[in-house]
Amino acid sequence: MLKYTVVASLLATSAIAADTTITGTVQSKCGVYTDIQGVYAQPTPDVLTTDPANGGVKPIIRYDVAQADYYTAKITWPNSFSSSPALNDVVNWTGEVTVSQVTDPLMSDYETNKLEYNNVTEFDLSVAGTVWFEVTSTATYGYDRSLPAGTYTSLVIAECIAN
């Protein structure tokens, strides 16, 4: 009888446990802001462009980086309209993302080391500080076809991706 009492007593004491939760909040050390909204100009009936030489305004995107070497700037220039009048022909897109201003001279390497593919440009944010990127966007409609009257909108997508 004593044997069974000892076993039952051991089982009862080993079943006690507690779950403890640990919670933390992570805040990004990289901020993305629009400093200047882009504006399309229409130098010819079939073209919309942000080129200032033609009356357009290039959008300027600002990245504030508090911690170097932990983030990548990924900026996508437009390859479609987010809103426009009905279009029944193809729109050909070109674009470019370039470094326009920096707070640290070491950031000048961003332009030479950028990675470009499709309509995306990536920059390794290897220096803490602020960097401004400007985006050029041009949309050409059909082959010698006039764009229909109306309002045209496109989007630049600017992301700060944790490495």
N, C-alpha and C. Protein backbone atom coordinates (compact mmCIF):
# COMPACT_ATOMS: atom_id res chain seq x y z
N MET A 1 0.81 -1.18 0.00
CA MET A 1 0.00 0.00 0.00
C MET A 1 0.87 1.26 0.00
N LEU A 2 1.95 1.25 0.68
CA LEU A 2 2.85 2.38 0.76
C LEU A 2 3.41 2.76 -0.61
N LYS A 3 3.66 1.79 -1.46
CA LYS A 3 4.18 2.04 -2.81
C LYS A 3 3.26 2.94 -3.61
N TYR A 4 1.98 2.69 -3.58
CA TYR A 4 1.01 3.47 -4.36
C TYR A 4 0.86 4.88 -3.83
N THR A 5 1.01 5.07 -2.59
CA THR A 5 0.89 6.40 -1.99
C THR A 5 2.05 7.29 -2.43
N VAL A 6 3.25 6.78 -2.50
CA VAL A 6 4.43 7.54 -2.91
C VAL A 6 4.31 7.94 -4.38
N VAL A 7 3.87 7.04 -5.25
CA VAL A 7 3.71 7.34 -6.67
C VAL A 7 2.65 8.41 -6.88
N ALA A 8 1.53 8.31 -6.24
CA ALA A 8 0.46 9.30 -6.36
C ALA A 8 0.93 10.66 -5.85
N SER A 9 1.71 10.67 -4.83
CA SER A 9 2.22 11.91 -4.26
C SER A 9 3.20 12.59 -5.22
N LEU A 10 4.05 11.84 -5.92
CA LEU A 10 5.00 12.40 -6.88
C LEU A 10 4.27 12.97 -8.10
N LEU A 11 3.24 12.31 -8.59
CA LEU A 11 2.49 12.79 -9.74
C LEU A 11 1.78 14.11 -9.43
N ALA A 12 1.30 14.27 -8.29
CA ALA A 12 0.57 15.48 -7.91
C ALA A 12 1.51 16.68 -7.84
N THR A 13 2.73 16.53 -7.40
CA THR A 13 3.64 17.66 -7.26
C THR A 13 4.31 18.05 -8.57
N SER A 14 4.44 17.17 -9.55
CA SER A 14 5.13 17.50 -10.80
C SER A 14 4.20 18.19 -11.81
N ALA A 15 2.92 18.36 -11.56
CA ALA A 15 1.98 18.95 -12.50
C ALA A 15 1.85 20.46 -12.34
N ILE A 16 2.59 21.08 -11.48
CA ILE A 16 2.49 22.52 -11.28
C ILE A 16 3.40 23.23 -12.28
N ALA A 17 2.83 24.24 -13.06
CA ALA A 17 3.59 24.99 -14.06
C ALA A 17 2.98 26.38 -14.22
N ALA A 18 3.74 27.26 -14.83
CA ALA A 18 3.24 28.61 -15.08
C ALA A 18 3.73 29.06 -16.45
N ASP A 19 2.87 29.76 -17.19
CA ASP A 19 3.26 30.38 -18.46
C ASP A 19 3.45 31.87 -18.20
N THR A 20 4.58 32.39 -18.62
CA THR A 20 4.87 33.80 -18.43
C THR A 20 5.07 34.45 -19.79
N THR A 21 4.35 35.52 -20.04
CA THR A 21 4.43 36.22 -21.32
C THR A 21 5.45 37.35 -21.26
N ILE A 22 6.21 37.48 -22.35
CA ILE A 22 7.13 38.59 -22.51
C ILE A 22 6.69 39.36 -23.75
N THR A 23 6.49 40.65 -23.61
CA THR A 23 6.02 41.48 -24.72
C THR A 23 7.01 42.60 -24.98
N GLY A 24 7.21 42.92 -26.24
CA GLY A 24 8.08 44.04 -26.60
C GLY A 24 7.53 44.74 -27.83
N THR A 25 7.80 46.01 -27.95
CA THR A 25 7.36 46.79 -29.10
C THR A 25 8.60 47.26 -29.85
N VAL A 26 8.59 47.03 -31.17
CA VAL A 26 9.72 47.43 -32.01
C VAL A 26 9.29 48.63 -32.85
N GLN A 27 10.08 49.67 -32.80
CA GLN A 27 9.83 50.84 -33.63
C GLN A 27 10.94 50.94 -34.67
N SER A 28 10.54 51.20 -35.90
CA SER A 28 11.51 51.31 -36.97
C SER A 28 12.45 52.48 -36.73
N LYS A 29 13.67 52.29 -37.12
CA LYS A 29 14.68 53.36 -37.04
C LYS A 29 14.86 53.98 -38.43
N CYS A 30 13.84 53.81 -39.28
CA CYS A 30 13.86 54.35 -40.63
C CYS A 30 12.48 54.93 -40.94
N GLY A 31 12.45 56.22 -41.26
CA GLY A 31 11.19 56.88 -41.60
C GLY A 31 11.19 57.28 -43.07
N VAL A 32 10.02 57.20 -43.72
CA VAL A 32 9.87 57.56 -45.13
C VAL A 32 8.81 58.65 -45.23
N TYR A 33 9.14 59.76 -45.90
CA TYR A 33 8.25 60.91 -45.98
C TYR A 33 8.25 61.49 -47.39
N THR A 34 7.11 62.01 -47.81
CA THR A 34 7.03 62.74 -49.08
C THR A 34 7.30 64.20 -48.78
N ASP A 35 8.40 64.73 -49.32
CA ASP A 35 8.72 66.15 -49.14
C ASP A 35 8.06 67.00 -50.22
N ILE A 36 8.03 66.50 -51.45
CA ILE A 36 7.40 67.23 -52.56
C ILE A 36 6.55 66.26 -53.37
N GLN A 37 5.29 66.63 -53.57
CA GLN A 37 4.40 65.84 -54.41
C GLN A 37 4.77 66.07 -55.87
N GLY A 38 4.71 65.02 -56.68
CA GLY A 38 5.01 65.15 -58.10
C GLY A 38 3.83 65.74 -58.87
N VAL A 39 4.15 66.38 -60.00
CA VAL A 39 3.12 66.95 -60.88
C VAL A 39 3.51 66.62 -62.31
N TYR A 40 2.55 66.07 -63.06
CA TYR A 40 2.78 65.80 -64.48
C TYR A 40 2.53 67.06 -65.30
N ALA A 41 3.41 67.30 -66.27
CA ALA A 41 3.21 68.33 -67.29
C ALA A 41 2.96 67.59 -68.60
N GLN A 42 2.38 68.29 -69.57
CA GLN A 42 2.08 67.68 -70.87
C GLN A 42 2.76 68.49 -71.98
N PRO A 43 4.04 68.17 -72.27
CA PRO A 43 4.76 68.94 -73.29
C PRO A 43 4.26 68.69 -74.72
N THR A 44 3.72 67.49 -74.96
CA THR A 44 3.10 67.16 -76.25
C THR A 44 1.80 66.42 -75.95
N PRO A 45 0.88 66.33 -76.91
CA PRO A 45 -0.43 65.71 -76.64
C PRO A 45 -0.37 64.26 -76.18
N ASP A 46 0.72 63.56 -76.44
CA ASP A 46 0.80 62.14 -76.09
C ASP A 46 1.70 61.84 -74.90
N VAL A 47 2.23 62.86 -74.22
CA VAL A 47 3.21 62.65 -73.15
C VAL A 47 2.81 63.36 -71.86
N LEU A 48 2.99 62.65 -70.75
CA LEU A 48 2.94 63.25 -69.41
C LEU A 48 4.30 63.00 -68.77
N THR A 49 4.87 64.03 -68.15
CA THR A 49 6.21 63.88 -67.57
C THR A 49 6.36 64.75 -66.32
N THR A 50 7.21 64.29 -65.41
CA THR A 50 7.56 65.08 -64.23
C THR A 50 8.81 65.92 -64.47
N ASP A 51 9.35 65.89 -65.67
CA ASP A 51 10.57 66.62 -66.01
C ASP A 51 10.35 68.14 -65.86
N PRO A 52 11.11 68.80 -64.97
CA PRO A 52 10.96 70.24 -64.77
C PRO A 52 11.22 71.07 -66.04
N ALA A 53 12.06 70.57 -66.95
CA ALA A 53 12.32 71.30 -68.20
C ALA A 53 11.06 71.42 -69.05
N ASN A 54 10.09 70.54 -68.80
CA ASN A 54 8.82 70.56 -69.53
C ASN A 54 7.67 71.07 -68.67
N GLY A 55 7.97 71.59 -67.49
CA GLY A 55 6.92 72.12 -66.61
C GLY A 55 6.45 71.19 -65.52
N GLY A 56 7.02 69.99 -65.45
CA GLY A 56 6.62 69.03 -64.42
C GLY A 56 7.35 69.26 -63.10
N VAL A 57 6.95 68.52 -62.09
CA VAL A 57 7.59 68.58 -60.78
C VAL A 57 7.92 67.15 -60.36
N LYS A 58 9.20 66.90 -60.09
CA LYS A 58 9.62 65.57 -59.64
C LYS A 58 9.24 65.38 -58.17
N PRO A 59 8.64 64.25 -57.83
CA PRO A 59 8.41 64.00 -56.40
C PRO A 59 9.74 63.77 -55.69
N ILE A 60 9.81 64.24 -54.45
CA ILE A 60 10.99 64.07 -53.62
C ILE A 60 10.58 63.26 -52.39
N ILE A 61 11.28 62.14 -52.18
CA ILE A 61 11.01 61.24 -51.05
C ILE A 61 12.20 61.35 -50.09
N ARG A 62 11.90 61.55 -48.81
CA ARG A 62 12.95 61.68 -47.78
C ARG A 62 12.98 60.44 -46.90
N TYR A 63 14.17 59.92 -46.67
CA TYR A 63 14.38 58.80 -45.74
C TYR A 63 15.21 59.31 -44.58
N ASP A 64 14.71 59.16 -43.36
CA ASP A 64 15.45 59.47 -42.14
C ASP A 64 15.87 58.15 -41.51
N VAL A 65 17.18 57.93 -41.43
CA VAL A 65 17.72 56.65 -40.95
C VAL A 65 18.48 56.89 -39.65
N ALA A 66 17.99 56.30 -38.56
CA ALA A 66 18.62 56.47 -37.25
C ALA A 66 19.71 55.43 -37.01
N GLN A 67 19.61 54.28 -37.67
CA GLN A 67 20.57 53.20 -37.46
C GLN A 67 21.08 52.71 -38.81
N ALA A 68 22.37 52.89 -39.05
CA ALA A 68 22.98 52.50 -40.33
C ALA A 68 23.04 50.99 -40.49
N ASP A 69 23.05 50.54 -41.75
CA ASP A 69 23.25 49.14 -42.13
C ASP A 69 22.13 48.18 -41.76
N TYR A 70 20.96 48.68 -41.43
CA TYR A 70 19.86 47.79 -41.07
C TYR A 70 18.68 47.89 -42.04
N TYR A 71 18.75 48.80 -43.02
CA TYR A 71 17.59 49.04 -43.88
C TYR A 71 17.98 49.20 -45.35
N THR A 72 17.01 48.91 -46.21
CA THR A 72 17.13 49.12 -47.65
C THR A 72 15.98 50.00 -48.10
N ALA A 73 16.31 51.05 -48.86
CA ALA A 73 15.27 51.88 -49.47
C ALA A 73 14.86 51.20 -50.77
N LYS A 74 13.58 50.96 -50.93
CA LYS A 74 13.05 50.36 -52.16
C LYS A 74 12.01 51.33 -52.72
N ILE A 75 12.34 51.91 -53.87
CA ILE A 75 11.48 52.92 -54.47
C ILE A 75 11.05 52.44 -55.85
N THR A 76 9.74 52.42 -56.07
CA THR A 76 9.17 51.94 -57.32
C THR A 76 8.55 53.12 -58.06
N TRP A 77 9.07 53.41 -59.26
CA TRP A 77 8.48 54.48 -60.06
C TRP A 77 7.28 53.92 -60.81
N PRO A 78 6.32 54.77 -61.17
CA PRO A 78 5.06 54.29 -61.75
C PRO A 78 5.24 53.57 -63.08
N ASN A 79 4.42 52.55 -63.27
CA ASN A 79 4.32 51.89 -64.58
C ASN A 79 2.85 51.68 -64.96
N SER A 80 1.98 52.44 -64.29
CA SER A 80 0.55 52.46 -64.61
C SER A 80 -0.06 53.68 -63.93
N PHE A 81 -1.24 54.05 -64.39
CA PHE A 81 -1.98 55.12 -63.72
C PHE A 81 -2.86 54.49 -62.65
N SER A 82 -2.91 55.12 -61.48
CA SER A 82 -3.83 54.66 -60.44
C SER A 82 -5.24 55.18 -60.73
N SER A 83 -5.32 56.29 -61.46
CA SER A 83 -6.61 56.77 -61.97
C SER A 83 -6.34 57.60 -63.22
N SER A 84 -7.27 57.49 -64.17
CA SER A 84 -7.15 58.21 -65.44
C SER A 84 -8.45 58.07 -66.20
N PRO A 85 -8.63 58.88 -67.24
CA PRO A 85 -9.76 58.63 -68.14
C PRO A 85 -9.57 57.27 -68.82
N ALA A 86 -10.60 56.77 -69.45
CA ALA A 86 -10.50 55.49 -70.16
C ALA A 86 -9.46 55.59 -71.28
N LEU A 87 -8.55 54.63 -71.30
CA LEU A 87 -7.49 54.59 -72.31
C LEU A 87 -7.65 53.32 -73.14
N ASN A 88 -7.62 53.45 -74.46
CA ASN A 88 -7.79 52.27 -75.29
C ASN A 88 -6.54 51.96 -76.10
N ASP A 89 -5.40 52.48 -75.67
CA ASP A 89 -4.12 52.16 -76.31
C ASP A 89 -3.09 51.95 -75.20
N VAL A 90 -1.94 51.47 -75.58
CA VAL A 90 -0.88 51.17 -74.62
C VAL A 90 -0.22 52.47 -74.13
N VAL A 91 0.23 52.43 -72.88
CA VAL A 91 1.01 53.53 -72.30
C VAL A 91 2.41 52.99 -72.03
N ASN A 92 3.42 53.65 -72.59
CA ASN A 92 4.82 53.26 -72.37
C ASN A 92 5.40 54.14 -71.28
N TRP A 93 6.02 53.49 -70.30
CA TRP A 93 6.53 54.19 -69.12
C TRP A 93 8.05 54.17 -69.08
N THR A 94 8.63 55.28 -68.65
CA THR A 94 10.04 55.34 -68.29
C THR A 94 10.14 56.07 -66.96
N GLY A 95 11.21 55.81 -66.24
CA GLY A 95 11.39 56.47 -64.96
C GLY A 95 12.80 56.30 -64.45
N GLU A 96 13.09 57.02 -63.41
CA GLU A 96 14.42 56.98 -62.81
C GLU A 96 14.31 57.47 -61.37
N VAL A 97 15.10 56.85 -60.49
CA VAL A 97 15.20 57.31 -59.10
C VAL A 97 16.65 57.66 -58.86
N THR A 98 16.89 58.87 -58.36
CA THR A 98 18.26 59.31 -58.11
C THR A 98 18.36 59.98 -56.74
N VAL A 99 19.56 59.96 -56.18
CA VAL A 99 19.83 60.67 -54.93
C VAL A 99 19.90 62.15 -55.27
N SER A 100 19.13 62.96 -54.55
CA SER A 100 19.15 64.40 -54.84
C SER A 100 19.86 65.22 -53.76
N GLN A 101 19.87 64.72 -52.52
CA GLN A 101 20.52 65.47 -51.43
C GLN A 101 20.83 64.50 -50.30
N VAL A 102 21.90 64.76 -49.55
CA VAL A 102 22.31 63.91 -48.43
C VAL A 102 22.79 64.77 -47.26
N THR A 103 22.75 64.20 -46.07
CA THR A 103 23.29 64.90 -44.90
C THR A 103 24.69 64.44 -44.53
N ASP A 104 25.15 63.36 -45.16
CA ASP A 104 26.48 62.84 -44.88
C ASP A 104 27.16 62.56 -46.22
N PRO A 105 28.39 63.07 -46.43
CA PRO A 105 29.08 62.86 -47.71
C PRO A 105 29.26 61.38 -48.07
N LEU A 106 29.30 60.49 -47.07
CA LEU A 106 29.45 59.06 -47.35
C LEU A 106 28.25 58.49 -48.11
N MET A 107 27.12 59.19 -48.06
CA MET A 107 25.91 58.73 -48.76
C MET A 107 26.01 58.92 -50.28
N SER A 108 27.06 59.59 -50.73
CA SER A 108 27.21 59.77 -52.18
C SER A 108 27.40 58.43 -52.89
N ASP A 109 27.84 57.41 -52.16
CA ASP A 109 27.97 56.06 -52.73
C ASP A 109 26.61 55.43 -53.06
N TYR A 110 25.54 55.93 -52.47
CA TYR A 110 24.22 55.37 -52.73
C TYR A 110 23.90 55.37 -54.22
N GLU A 111 24.22 56.45 -54.90
CA GLU A 111 23.88 56.57 -56.32
C GLU A 111 24.67 55.55 -57.16
N THR A 112 25.95 55.39 -56.89
CA THR A 112 26.75 54.46 -57.70
C THR A 112 26.48 53.00 -57.34
N ASN A 113 26.03 52.73 -56.13
CA ASN A 113 25.80 51.35 -55.69
C ASN A 113 24.34 50.91 -55.76
N LYS A 114 23.47 51.74 -56.34
CA LYS A 114 22.05 51.38 -56.37
C LYS A 114 21.82 50.17 -57.26
N LEU A 115 20.75 49.45 -56.96
CA LEU A 115 20.35 48.26 -57.71
C LEU A 115 19.04 48.59 -58.43
N GLU A 116 19.03 48.45 -59.76
CA GLU A 116 17.85 48.78 -60.55
C GLU A 116 17.35 47.53 -61.28
N TYR A 117 16.05 47.30 -61.22
CA TYR A 117 15.41 46.21 -61.97
C TYR A 117 13.95 46.59 -62.19
N ASN A 118 13.45 46.22 -63.38
CA ASN A 118 12.08 46.58 -63.77
C ASN A 118 11.88 48.08 -63.51
N ASN A 119 10.90 48.44 -62.71
CA ASN A 119 10.70 49.85 -62.37
C ASN A 119 11.03 50.10 -60.88
N VAL A 120 11.96 49.33 -60.36
CA VAL A 120 12.34 49.39 -58.94
C VAL A 120 13.81 49.80 -58.81
N THR A 121 14.09 50.63 -57.82
CA THR A 121 15.46 50.99 -57.48
C THR A 121 15.65 50.77 -55.99
N GLU A 122 16.74 50.08 -55.63
CA GLU A 122 17.04 49.81 -54.22
C GLU A 122 18.36 50.46 -53.84
N PHE A 123 18.39 50.99 -52.62
CA PHE A 123 19.58 51.62 -52.08
C PHE A 123 19.85 51.01 -50.70
N ASP A 124 21.08 50.55 -50.47
CA ASP A 124 21.48 50.05 -49.15
C ASP A 124 21.75 51.26 -48.27
N LEU A 125 20.93 51.44 -47.25
CA LEU A 125 21.06 52.61 -46.36
C LEU A 125 22.14 52.33 -45.31
N SER A 126 23.38 52.44 -45.75
CA SER A 126 24.53 52.05 -44.94
C SER A 126 25.07 53.16 -44.03
N VAL A 127 24.46 54.35 -44.10
CA VAL A 127 24.92 55.49 -43.30
C VAL A 127 23.71 56.09 -42.59
N ALA A 128 23.85 56.40 -41.31
CA ALA A 128 22.76 57.06 -40.58
C ALA A 128 22.68 58.52 -41.01
N GLY A 129 21.45 59.03 -41.09
CA GLY A 129 21.23 60.40 -41.50
C GLY A 129 20.02 60.50 -42.40
N THR A 130 19.94 61.59 -43.17
CA THR A 130 18.80 61.82 -44.04
C THR A 130 19.27 61.87 -45.49
N VAL A 131 18.49 61.22 -46.35
CA VAL A 131 18.77 61.22 -47.78
C VAL A 131 17.47 61.48 -48.53
N TRP A 132 17.55 62.30 -49.57
CA TRP A 132 16.39 62.63 -50.40
C TRP A 132 16.57 61.99 -51.77
N PHE A 133 15.50 61.38 -52.27
CA PHE A 133 15.50 60.77 -53.59
C PHE A 133 14.47 61.48 -54.46
N GLU A 134 14.84 61.74 -55.73
CA GLU A 134 13.88 62.33 -56.65
C GLU A 134 13.52 61.28 -57.70
N VAL A 135 12.27 61.36 -58.15
CA VAL A 135 11.74 60.37 -59.08
C VAL A 135 11.31 61.07 -60.36
N THR A 136 11.79 60.56 -61.48
CA THR A 136 11.35 61.03 -62.78
C THR A 136 10.39 59.99 -63.34
N SER A 137 9.27 60.45 -63.88
CA SER A 137 8.28 59.55 -64.47
C SER A 137 7.75 60.16 -65.76
N THR A 138 7.73 59.35 -66.82
CA THR A 138 7.20 59.79 -68.11
C THR A 138 6.30 58.71 -68.67
N ALA A 139 5.12 59.10 -69.10
CA ALA A 139 4.15 58.20 -69.72
C ALA A 139 3.89 58.69 -71.15
N THR A 140 4.09 57.81 -72.11
CA THR A 140 3.84 58.13 -73.52
C THR A 140 2.70 57.25 -74.01
N TYR A 141 1.69 57.87 -74.58
CA TYR A 141 0.46 57.18 -74.96
C TYR A 141 0.49 56.78 -76.43
N GLY A 142 0.28 55.48 -76.67
CA GLY A 142 0.13 54.97 -78.03
C GLY A 142 1.24 55.42 -78.97
N TYR A 143 0.92 55.50 -80.24
CA TYR A 143 1.86 55.99 -81.24
C TYR A 143 1.25 57.22 -81.88
N ASP A 144 1.77 58.39 -81.47
CA ASP A 144 1.24 59.67 -81.93
C ASP A 144 -0.26 59.80 -81.67
N ARG A 145 -0.69 59.38 -80.49
CA ARG A 145 -2.09 59.51 -80.09
C ARG A 145 -2.18 60.51 -78.95
N SER A 146 -3.18 61.34 -78.98
CA SER A 146 -3.40 62.32 -77.91
C SER A 146 -4.02 61.64 -76.70
N LEU A 147 -3.53 62.01 -75.53
CA LEU A 147 -4.15 61.53 -74.30
C LEU A 147 -5.54 62.15 -74.16
N PRO A 148 -6.53 61.36 -73.72
CA PRO A 148 -7.86 61.93 -73.48
C PRO A 148 -7.81 62.97 -72.36
N ALA A 149 -8.65 63.97 -72.45
CA ALA A 149 -8.72 65.01 -71.42
C ALA A 149 -9.14 64.40 -70.09
N GLY A 150 -8.60 64.92 -69.00
CA GLY A 150 -8.97 64.45 -67.67
C GLY A 150 -7.80 64.52 -66.71
N THR A 151 -8.00 63.98 -65.55
CA THR A 151 -6.98 63.97 -64.50
C THR A 151 -6.30 62.61 -64.46
N TYR A 152 -4.99 62.65 -64.41
CA TYR A 152 -4.17 61.43 -64.40
C TYR A 152 -3.41 61.38 -63.07
N THR A 153 -3.42 60.22 -62.44
CA THR A 153 -2.71 60.02 -61.18
C THR A 153 -1.91 58.73 -61.25
N SER A 154 -0.70 58.78 -60.75
CA SER A 154 0.11 57.57 -60.60
C SER A 154 0.77 57.61 -59.23
N LEU A 155 1.33 56.48 -58.82
CA LEU A 155 1.90 56.38 -57.48
C LEU A 155 3.36 55.98 -57.52
N VAL A 156 4.16 56.64 -56.70
CA VAL A 156 5.52 56.20 -56.39
C VAL A 156 5.40 55.43 -55.08
N ILE A 157 5.93 54.23 -55.05
CA ILE A 157 5.90 53.45 -53.81
C ILE A 157 7.30 53.49 -53.19
N ALA A 158 7.38 54.03 -51.98
CA ALA A 158 8.66 54.15 -51.27
C ALA A 158 8.57 53.34 -49.99
N GLU A 159 9.48 52.38 -49.85
CA GLU A 159 9.47 51.50 -48.69
C GLU A 159 10.83 51.51 -48.01
N CYS A 160 10.82 51.29 -46.72
CA CYS A 160 12.05 51.09 -45.97
C CYS A 160 11.98 49.65 -45.43
N ILE A 161 12.83 48.80 -45.97
CA ILE A 161 12.77 47.37 -45.66
C ILE A 161 13.89 47.00 -44.71
N ALA A 162 13.52 46.35 -43.62
CA ALA A 162 14.52 45.90 -42.64
C ALA A 162 15.32 44.77 -43.25
N ASN A 163 16.66 44.85 -43.13
CA ASN A 163 17.54 43.81 -43.65
C ASN A 163 17.54 42.61 -42.74
